[in-house]
Amino acid sequence: MDEDSRSARLIQDHLRFNYGYTLEQESQPADVDPIEYFLFTRKKGHCEYFASAMVQLCKSVGINARMVTG
C-alpha cells in the first residue's frame, strides 16, 4: 500500500469513528462553510458531508481527490 493510500485510509477511519451519520438537517450559520461546520462543530451529517469532507481532507495533505455524484 502506498503512502497516499495509507493516508486516505487514516482519514476515512477518522471520519468513520469520530463522526455520526444522520439525515436530520441543520443549517450552519450563513458565514460558515458547510464542510467546516460539519468537521469542527456539528460532527454529524449525511453521506454528502462525509464525501465532501473526505475529499477536502485528502486534498489538504496533497492527495489528488474529487467527488462525483449522480
C-alpha atoms as a PDB file:
ATOM      1  CA  MET A   1       0.000   0.000   0.000  1.00  0.00           C
ATOM      2  CA  ASP A   2       1.476   3.379  -0.978  1.00  0.00           C
ATOM      3  CA  GLU A   3       1.662   6.478   1.229  1.00  0.00           C
ATOM      4  CA  ASP A   4      -1.399   8.170  -0.321  1.00  0.00           C
ATOM      5  CA  SER A   5      -3.488   5.040   0.221  1.00  0.00           C
ATOM      6  CA  ARG A   6      -2.397   4.785   3.856  1.00  0.00           C
ATOM      7  CA  SER A   7      -3.136   8.452   4.457  1.00  0.00           C
ATOM      8  CA  ALA A   8      -6.561   8.196   2.808  1.00  0.00           C
ATOM      9  CA  ARG A   9      -7.370   5.160   4.957  1.00  0.00           C
ATOM     10  CA  LEU A  10      -6.439   7.074   8.121  1.00  0.00           C
ATOM     11  CA  ILE A  11      -8.681   9.977   7.088  1.00  0.00           C
ATOM     12  CA  GLN A  12     -11.508   7.552   6.313  1.00  0.00           C
ATOM     13  CA  ASP A  13     -11.117   5.857   9.684  1.00  0.00           C
ATOM     14  CA  HIS A  14     -11.062   9.206  11.470  1.00  0.00           C
ATOM     15  CA  LEU A  15     -14.351  10.195   9.855  1.00  0.00           C
ATOM     16  CA  ARG A  16     -15.887   6.778  10.469  1.00  0.00           C
ATOM     17  CA  PHE A  17     -15.077   6.608  14.175  1.00  0.00           C
ATOM     18  CA  ASN A  18     -15.401  10.265  15.200  1.00  0.00           C
ATOM     19  CA  TYR A  19     -18.445  11.498  13.267  1.00  0.00           C
ATOM     20  CA  GLY A  20     -22.060  10.379  13.242  1.00  0.00           C
ATOM     21  CA  TYR A  21     -24.418   9.706  10.362  1.00  0.00           C
ATOM     22  CA  THR A  22     -27.797  11.439  10.360  1.00  0.00           C
ATOM     23  CA  LEU A  23     -30.402  12.522   7.846  1.00  0.00           C
ATOM     24  CA  GLU A  24     -31.569  15.339  10.147  1.00  0.00           C
ATOM     25  CA  GLN A  25     -30.814  18.673   8.511  1.00  0.00           C
ATOM     26  CA  GLU A  26     -29.337  21.543  10.496  1.00  0.00           C
ATOM     27  CA  SER A  27     -28.366  24.803   8.867  1.00  0.00           C
ATOM     28  CA  GLN A  28     -24.959  26.193   9.622  1.00  0.00           C
ATOM     29  CA  PRO A  29     -24.506  29.931  10.190  1.00  0.00           C
ATOM     30  CA  ALA A  30     -24.581  31.868   6.901  1.00  0.00           C
ATOM     31  CA  ASP A  31     -20.925  32.908   7.125  1.00  0.00           C
ATOM     32  CA  VAL A  32     -19.580  29.378   7.799  1.00  0.00           C
ATOM     33  CA  ASP A  33     -18.578  26.827   5.173  1.00  0.00           C
ATOM     34  CA  PRO A  34     -20.847  23.745   5.428  1.00  0.00           C
ATOM     35  CA  ILE A  35     -17.937  21.276   5.473  1.00  0.00           C
ATOM     36  CA  GLU A  36     -16.088  23.334   8.058  1.00  0.00           C
ATOM     37  CA  TYR A  37     -19.246  23.315  10.193  1.00  0.00           C
ATOM     38  CA  PHE A  38     -19.543  19.531   9.756  1.00  0.00           C
ATOM     39  CA  LEU A  39     -15.908  18.878  10.667  1.00  0.00           C
ATOM     40  CA  PHE A  40     -15.463  21.267  13.586  1.00  0.00           C
ATOM     41  CA  THR A  41     -18.888  21.911  15.093  1.00  0.00           C
ATOM     42  CA  ARG A  42     -21.724  19.534  14.313  1.00  0.00           C
ATOM     43  CA  LYS A  43     -19.698  16.351  13.714  1.00  0.00           C
ATOM     44  CA  LYS A  44     -22.647  14.530  12.171  1.00  0.00           C
ATOM     45  CA  GLY A  45     -24.316  14.609   8.786  1.00  0.00           C
ATOM     46  CA  HIS A  46     -25.365  12.635   5.733  1.00  0.00           C
ATOM     47  CA  CYS A  47     -23.283  10.994   3.010  1.00  0.00           C
ATOM     48  CA  GLU A  48     -22.521  14.178   1.060  1.00  0.00           C
ATOM     49  CA  TYR A  49     -20.921  15.739   4.124  1.00  0.00           C
ATOM     50  CA  PHE A  50     -18.741  12.679   4.647  1.00  0.00           C
ATOM     51  CA  ALA A  51     -17.743  12.526   0.973  1.00  0.00           C
ATOM     52  CA  SER A  52     -17.013  16.250   0.772  1.00  0.00           C
ATOM     53  CA  ALA A  53     -15.004  16.163   3.979  1.00  0.00           C
ATOM     54  CA  MET A  54     -13.023  13.158   2.737  1.00  0.00           C
ATOM     55  CA  VAL A  55     -12.117  14.994  -0.466  1.00  0.00           C
ATOM     56  CA  GLN A  56     -11.124  18.197   1.322  1.00  0.00           C
ATOM     57  CA  LEU A  57      -9.060  16.383   3.935  1.00  0.00           C
ATOM     58  CA  CYS A  58      -7.289  14.328   1.261  1.00  0.00           C
ATOM     59  CA  LYS A  59      -6.515  17.467  -0.722  1.00  0.00           C
ATOM     60  CA  SER A  60      -5.209  19.163   2.422  1.00  0.00           C
ATOM     61  CA  VAL A  61      -2.436  16.554   2.668  1.00  0.00           C
ATOM     62  CA  GLY A  62      -1.606  16.554  -1.039  1.00  0.00           C
ATOM     63  CA  ILE A  63      -3.699  13.614  -2.225  1.00  0.00           C
ATOM     64  CA  ASN A  64      -5.465  14.251  -5.526  1.00  0.00           C
ATOM     65  CA  ALA A  65      -9.168  13.753  -4.874  1.00  0.00           C
ATOM     66  CA  ARG A  66     -12.531  14.719  -6.291  1.00  0.00           C
ATOM     67  CA  MET A  67     -16.142  13.988  -5.523  1.00  0.00           C
ATOM     68  CA  VAL A  68     -18.545  12.688  -8.135  1.00  0.00           C
ATOM     69  CA  THR A  69     -22.301  12.494  -7.584  1.00  0.00           C
ATOM     70  CA  GLY A  70     -25.253  11.325  -9.585  1.00  0.00           C
END
